[in-house]
C-alpha atoms as a PDB file:
ATOM      1  CA  MET A   1      55.308 129.413  80.851  1.00  0.00           C
ATOM      2  CA  THR A   2      55.559 126.447  78.497  1.00  0.00           C
ATOM      3  CA  ASP A   3      53.794 123.236  79.605  1.00  0.00           C
ATOM      4  CA  ILE A   4      56.023 120.336  80.561  1.00  0.00           C
ATOM      5  CA  PRO A   5      55.706 117.678  77.843  1.00  0.00           C
ATOM      6  CA  SER A   6      54.361 114.297  78.895  1.00  0.00           C
ATOM      7  CA  PHE A   7      56.363 111.087  78.658  1.00  0.00           C
ATOM      8  CA  PRO A   8      55.940 107.428  79.626  1.00  0.00           C
ATOM      9  CA  TYR A   9      56.359 106.898  83.373  1.00  0.00           C
ATOM     10  CA  ARG A  10      58.579 103.868  82.714  1.00  0.00           C
ATOM     11  CA  TRP A  11      61.327 106.309  81.598  1.00  0.00           C
ATOM     12  CA  LEU A  12      61.700 107.305  85.256  1.00  0.00           C
ATOM     13  CA  TRP A  13      62.414 103.793  86.484  1.00  0.00           C
ATOM     14  CA  GLU A  14      65.619 103.693  88.538  1.00  0.00           C
ATOM     15  CA  GLU A  15      65.960 107.503  88.473  1.00  0.00           C
ATOM     16  CA  ARG A  16      66.941 108.997  91.818  1.00  0.00           C
ATOM     17  CA  SER A  17      65.943 112.601  91.206  1.00  0.00           C
ATOM     18  CA  ILE A  18      64.483 114.967  88.668  1.00  0.00           C
ATOM     19  CA  THR A  19      65.537 118.593  88.750  1.00  0.00           C
ATOM     20  CA  SER A  20      63.476 121.276  87.089  1.00  0.00           C
ATOM     21  CA  VAL A  21      63.872 124.982  86.567  1.00  0.00           C
ATOM     22  CA  ALA A  22      60.875 127.175  87.370  1.00  0.00           C
ATOM     23  CA  ASN A  23      59.794 130.301  85.475  1.00  0.00           C
ATOM     24  CA  LEU A  24      61.454 129.320  82.224  1.00  0.00           C
ATOM     25  CA  THR A  25      59.902 129.225  78.778  1.00  0.00           C
ATOM     26  CA  ARG A  26      61.049 126.867  76.053  1.00  0.00           C
ATOM     27  CA  ALA A  27      62.559 129.844  74.197  1.00  0.00           C
ATOM     28  CA  ASP A  28      64.450 130.852  77.374  1.00  0.00           C
ATOM     29  CA  GLY A  29      65.782 127.309  77.702  1.00  0.00           C
ATOM     30  CA  GLU A  30      66.903 127.204  74.076  1.00  0.00           C
ATOM     31  CA  ALA A  31      68.644 130.568  74.433  1.00  0.00           C
ATOM     32  CA  PHE A  32      70.362 129.406  77.632  1.00  0.00           C
ATOM     33  CA  MET A  33      71.580 126.185  75.993  1.00  0.00           C
ATOM     34  CA  GLY A  34      72.996 128.245  73.108  1.00  0.00           C
ATOM     35  CA  VAL A  35      75.021 130.345  75.557  1.00  0.00           C
ATOM     36  CA  ALA A  36      76.022 127.281  77.592  1.00  0.00           C
ATOM     37  CA  ALA A  37      77.432 125.646  74.445  1.00  0.00           C
ATOM     38  CA  GLU A  38      79.865 128.571  74.093  1.00  0.00           C
ATOM     39  CA  VAL A  39      81.109 128.480  77.697  1.00  0.00           C
ATOM     40  CA  PRO A  40      83.991 126.146  78.555  1.00  0.00           C
ATOM     41  CA  LEU A  41      82.409 123.921  81.213  1.00  0.00           C
ATOM     42  CA  HIS A  42      84.610 121.814  83.485  1.00  0.00           C
ATOM     43  CA  PRO A  43      82.340 119.549  85.514  1.00  0.00           C
ATOM     44  CA  ALA A  44      83.741 118.067  88.713  1.00  0.00           C
ATOM     45  CA  VAL A  45      83.062 114.319  88.765  1.00  0.00           C
ATOM     46  CA  GLN A  46      84.456 111.607  91.015  1.00  0.00           C
ATOM     47  CA  VAL A  47      83.960 108.093  89.671  1.00  0.00           C
ATOM     48  CA  TYR A  48      83.621 105.107  92.029  1.00  0.00           C
ATOM     49  CA  PRO A  49      83.220 101.406  91.245  1.00  0.00           C
ATOM     50  CA  LEU A  50      79.839 100.146  92.432  1.00  0.00           C
ATOM     51  CA  ALA A  51      81.604  98.054  95.064  1.00  0.00           C
ATOM     52  CA  GLU A  52      82.793 101.318  96.680  1.00  0.00           C
ATOM     53  CA  ALA A  53      79.330 102.897  96.924  1.00  0.00           C
ATOM     54  CA  ASN A  54      79.556 103.135 100.712  1.00  0.00           C
ATOM     55  CA  ARG A  55      82.824 105.067 100.454  1.00  0.00           C
ATOM     56  CA  ALA A  56      81.233 107.471  97.950  1.00  0.00           C
ATOM     57  CA  ILE A  57      78.209 108.020 100.202  1.00  0.00           C
ATOM     58  CA  GLU A  58      80.459 108.649 103.196  1.00  0.00           C
ATOM     59  CA  GLY A  59      82.430 111.205 101.194  1.00  0.00           C
ATOM     60  CA  LEU A  60      79.220 112.999 100.296  1.00  0.00           C
ATOM     61  CA  ARG A  61      78.005 112.978 103.902  1.00  0.00           C
ATOM     62  CA  GLN A  62      81.267 114.395 105.189  1.00  0.00           C
ATOM     63  CA  GLY A  63      81.436 117.096 102.517  1.00  0.00           C
ATOM     64  CA  ARG A  64      84.685 115.821 101.011  1.00  0.00           C
ATOM     65  CA  MET A  65      83.403 116.059  97.438  1.00  0.00           C
ATOM     66  CA  SER A  66      83.097 118.894  95.018  1.00  0.00           C
ATOM     67  CA  GLY A  67      80.742 118.129  92.147  1.00  0.00           C
ATOM     68  CA  ALA A  68      79.074 114.776  91.531  1.00  0.00           C
ATOM     69  CA  ALA A  69      79.865 111.234  92.595  1.00  0.00           C
ATOM     70  CA  VAL A  70      79.214 108.662  89.871  1.00  0.00           C
ATOM     71  CA  LEU A  71      78.901 104.929  90.539  1.00  0.00           C
ATOM     72  CA  VAL A  72      80.009 102.636  87.718  1.00  0.00           C
ATOM     73  CA  PRO A  73      78.790  99.021  87.694  1.00  0.00           C
END
């Protein structure tokens, strides 16, 4: 397995989560990204103004969303 490269901790400031994939080499990741570039992806995103953050959170809690909720300042 390829080591995870280091980076300055300040890059994480204000991040809410970091997701990693286990058991993957750099070559595996590069091959996957090559295939992913050829697949027509259609992400599901619901955009909310920052003032409606509580409504977005409630929608997530109640399972009314498919995909990601994005808050825009």
